[in-house]
Protein backbone atom coordinates (compact mmCIF):
# COMPACT_ATOMS: atom_id res chain seq x y z
CA MET A 1 0.00 0.00 0.00
CA ASN A 2 2.90 2.36 0.70
CA ARG A 3 4.19 1.85 -2.85
CA LEU A 4 0.87 2.88 -4.30
CA ALA A 5 0.70 5.93 -2.03
CA SER A 6 4.22 7.00 -2.98
CA ARG A 7 3.45 6.59 -6.69
CA LEU A 8 0.29 8.65 -6.37
CA ARG A 9 2.11 11.37 -4.44
CA ALA A 10 4.74 11.52 -7.18
CA LEU A 11 1.98 12.32 -9.69
CA ILE A 12 0.44 15.06 -7.56
CA PRO A 13 1.75 18.57 -8.20
CA THR A 14 3.90 20.24 -5.55
CA ARG A 15 3.23 23.60 -3.92
CA GLU A 16 5.91 25.20 -6.09
CA GLN A 17 4.42 23.77 -9.30
CA ILE A 18 0.97 25.04 -8.44
CA MET A 19 2.22 28.49 -7.44
CA ALA A 20 4.29 28.72 -10.64
CA ASN A 21 1.28 27.93 -12.84
CA ARG A 22 0.30 31.05 -14.75
CA TRP A 23 -3.41 30.32 -14.34
CA LEU A 24 -3.11 29.86 -10.57
CA ARG A 25 -0.66 32.67 -9.79
CA TRP A 26 -3.49 34.94 -8.66
CA LEU A 27 -4.19 32.46 -5.83
CA SER A 28 -0.65 32.63 -4.43
CA PRO A 29 -1.53 35.01 -1.55
CA PHE A 30 -4.19 32.55 -0.41
CA LEU A 31 -2.10 29.40 -0.82
CA ALA A 32 -0.06 29.94 2.35
CA HIS A 33 -2.60 28.30 4.66
CA PRO A 34 -1.07 25.03 5.95
CA ARG A 35 -4.35 23.10 5.77
CA LEU A 36 -4.29 23.41 1.98
CA TRP A 37 -1.14 21.26 1.83
CA HIS A 38 -1.71 18.90 4.77
CA TRP A 39 -2.41 15.26 3.98
CA SER A 40 -5.38 14.64 6.27
CA ARG A 41 -8.43 12.46 5.74
CA ARG A 42 -10.83 15.38 5.48
CA GLY A 43 -8.55 17.58 3.37
CA VAL A 44 -7.65 14.92 0.82
CA ALA A 45 -11.18 13.52 0.57
CA LEU A 46 -12.64 16.99 0.07
CA GLY A 47 -9.90 17.91 -2.40
CA VAL A 48 -10.52 14.82 -4.51
CA ALA A 49 -14.29 15.37 -4.37
CA ILE A 50 -13.84 18.97 -5.54
CA GLY A 51 -11.49 17.89 -8.34
CA VAL A 52 -13.77 15.11 -9.54
CA PHE A 53 -16.78 17.43 -9.36
CA PHE A 54 -15.21 20.15 -11.48
CA GLY A 55 -13.37 17.65 -13.66
CA LEU A 56 -16.70 16.21 -14.73
CA LEU A 57 -18.77 19.39 -14.67
CA ILE A 58 -16.75 21.80 -16.81
CA PRO A 59 -14.70 21.02 -19.92
CA ILE A 60 -12.08 23.77 -19.59
CA ALA A 61 -10.17 25.50 -16.76
CA GLN A 62 -10.84 22.60 -14.41
CA ILE A 63 -7.61 22.89 -12.45
CA PRO A 64 -7.84 26.64 -11.68
CA VAL A 65 -11.51 26.36 -10.70
CA SER A 66 -10.92 23.32 -8.48
CA ALA A 67 -7.86 24.95 -6.89
CA ALA A 68 -9.87 28.08 -6.14
CA ALA A 69 -12.69 26.00 -4.64
CA ALA A 70 -10.15 24.03 -2.58
CA VAL A 71 -8.73 27.29 -1.22
CA LEU A 72 -12.20 28.54 -0.30
CA LEU A 73 -13.19 25.24 1.35
CA ARG A 74 -9.75 24.61 2.94
CA ALA A 75 -9.28 21.32 1.10
CA ASN A 76 -6.03 19.77 -0.10
CA VAL A 77 -5.08 21.77 -3.21
CA PRO A 78 -2.78 19.18 -4.86
CA ALA A 79 -5.44 16.48 -4.51
CA ALA A 80 -8.05 18.80 -6.03
CA ALA A 81 -5.79 19.71 -8.94
CA ALA A 82 -4.73 16.13 -9.67
CA SER A 83 -8.21 14.63 -9.45
CA THR A 84 -9.52 16.88 -12.22
CA LEU A 85 -7.71 14.51 -14.55
CA VAL A 86 -10.68 12.17 -14.23
CA THR A 87 -11.53 13.66 -17.60
CA ASN A 88 -8.62 13.65 -19.98
CA PRO A 89 -8.23 13.11 -23.73
CA ILE A 90 -8.76 9.36 -23.25
CA THR A 91 -11.84 9.52 -21.01
CA PHE A 92 -13.44 12.71 -22.38
CA GLY A 93 -15.48 11.01 -25.11
CA PRO A 94 -16.91 8.14 -23.05
CA VAL A 95 -17.67 10.41 -20.08
CA TYR A 96 -19.51 12.97 -22.19
CA TYR A 97 -21.38 10.26 -24.11
CA ALA A 98 -22.47 8.62 -20.84
CA ALA A 99 -23.50 12.03 -19.48
CA TYR A 100 -25.55 12.72 -22.60
CA ARG A 101 -27.26 9.34 -22.40
CA LEU A 102 -28.00 9.86 -18.69
CA GLY A 103 -29.41 13.34 -19.32
CA ALA A 104 -31.47 12.10 -22.26
CA TRP A 105 -32.86 9.31 -20.08
CA ILE A 106 -33.72 11.79 -17.29
CA HIS A 107 -35.50 14.10 -19.75
CA GLY A 108 -37.22 11.23 -21.54
CA ASP A 109 -35.48 12.03 -24.84
CA THR A 110 -35.06 8.91 -26.98
CA ALA A 111 -33.24 10.57 -29.88
CA ALA A 112 -29.69 9.41 -30.50
CA PRO A 113 -26.82 11.90 -30.37
CA PRO A 114 -25.50 13.16 -33.71
CA THR A 115 -23.27 10.64 -35.46
CA ASP A 116 -19.77 11.33 -36.72
CA ALA A 117 -21.02 11.45 -40.32
CA ALA A 118 -23.57 14.13 -39.45
CA ALA A 119 -20.97 16.04 -37.44
CA ALA A 120 -18.38 15.77 -40.22
CA SER A 121 -20.75 17.33 -42.77
CA ASP A 122 -21.33 20.28 -40.45
CA ASP A 123 -18.67 23.00 -40.64
CA SER A 124 -19.39 24.27 -37.14
CA GLY A 125 -16.78 23.88 -34.43
CA ILE A 126 -16.73 21.43 -31.58
CA TRP A 127 -18.34 23.92 -29.17
CA GLU A 128 -21.34 24.35 -31.44
CA ARG A 129 -21.73 20.57 -31.64
CA ILE A 130 -21.48 20.27 -27.86
CA ALA A 131 -23.96 23.12 -27.42
CA GLY A 132 -26.29 21.30 -29.85
CA LEU A 133 -26.47 18.41 -27.41
CA GLY A 134 -27.90 20.91 -24.97
CA LEU A 135 -29.89 20.20 -21.89
CA PRO A 136 -29.39 16.41 -21.75
CA LEU A 137 -25.61 16.79 -21.72
CA VAL A 138 -25.60 19.52 -19.08
CA THR A 139 -28.06 17.57 -16.92
CA GLY A 140 -26.05 14.37 -17.22
CA LEU A 141 -22.78 16.13 -16.42
CA ALA A 142 -24.29 17.81 -13.36
CA ILE A 143 -25.74 14.54 -12.06
CA MET A 144 -22.51 12.63 -12.67
CA ALA A 145 -20.42 15.38 -11.08
CA VAL A 146 -22.50 15.39 -7.90
CA ILE A 147 -22.72 11.60 -7.60
CA PHE A 148 -19.06 10.88 -8.35
CA GLY A 149 -17.88 13.82 -6.22
CA LEU A 150 -19.86 12.59 -3.20
CA ALA A 151 -18.87 8.98 -3.85
CA SER A 152 -15.17 9.85 -4.03
CA TYR A 153 -15.43 11.80 -0.76
CA LEU A 154 -17.16 8.91 1.02
CA ILE A 155 -14.86 6.23 -0.39
CA ILE A 156 -11.65 8.09 0.45
CA SER A 157 -12.91 8.93 3.94
CA ALA A 158 -13.90 5.32 4.59
CA VAL A 159 -10.68 3.82 3.23
CA TRP A 160 -8.59 6.34 5.16
CA TYR A 161 -10.52 5.65 8.38
CA TRP A 162 -10.18 1.88 8.10
CA ARG A 163 -6.53 2.11 7.13
CA VAL A 164 -5.73 4.22 10.22
CA LYS A 165 -7.82 1.93 12.41
CA LEU A 166 -5.99 -1.15 11.10
CA ARG A 167 -2.60 0.50 11.62
CA ARG A 168 -3.49 1.43 15.21
CA ARG A 169 -4.75 -2.08 15.91
CA ARG A 170 -1.46 -3.54 14.64
CA GLN A 171 0.55 -1.12 16.76
CA LEU A 172 -1.49 -2.02 19.82
CA GLN A 173 -0.98 -5.73 19.20
CA PHE A 174 2.75 -5.16 18.72
CA TYR A 175 3.07 -3.27 22.00
CA GLN A 176 0.96 -5.82 23.84
CA THR A 177 3.16 -8.68 22.67
CA ARG A 178 6.32 -6.78 23.61
CA SER A 179 5.05 -6.00 27.10
CA GLY A 180 4.15 -9.56 27.90
CA GLY A 181 0.52 -9.89 26.98
CA GLY A 182 -1.22 -6.77 28.02
CA ILE A 183 -1.49 -3.80 30.24
CA LYS A 184 -1.57 -4.64 33.90
CA GLY A 185 -3.78 -2.60 36.12
CA PRO A 186 -3.14 -1.53 39.67
CA GLY A 187 -3.42 -4.09 42.41
């Protein structure tokens, strides 16, 4: 488990990298608070939830928006910035297609999204095509962002809690075996 944690921490941006980012430079006066960089259960879980939420909800400027929200909510900024990568060039298409289908299902729309052939014949840009998907896409993205943001918060909090509890139980067992079987009371 420590290997996985060290690999994940290597992928997460440092304080210097975030402060050097031209899009986040305006936040530098606010980034001095120690809670924003502390690896605690609440801070990391909230940071990941914020990053997943904005990573799914908005297609551009995810990192600056999630970093700003993490500063306002006193969450872990590196976790918020890194978790926005839930949508990336590989996952963007499937996530947005699933969001459209979810939104279409919620609104009762049975029409299929425009195919590549229909999109290729249209000279409009990608933003016009995305805007053409309209309300079902926005609804699906909002629902997915809320659900996956809350789920990531709950999962990280639970895993963190049980990991700490297991570590404390092992330490207690270790100290009990070293001291001869237990703590002796007075008398």
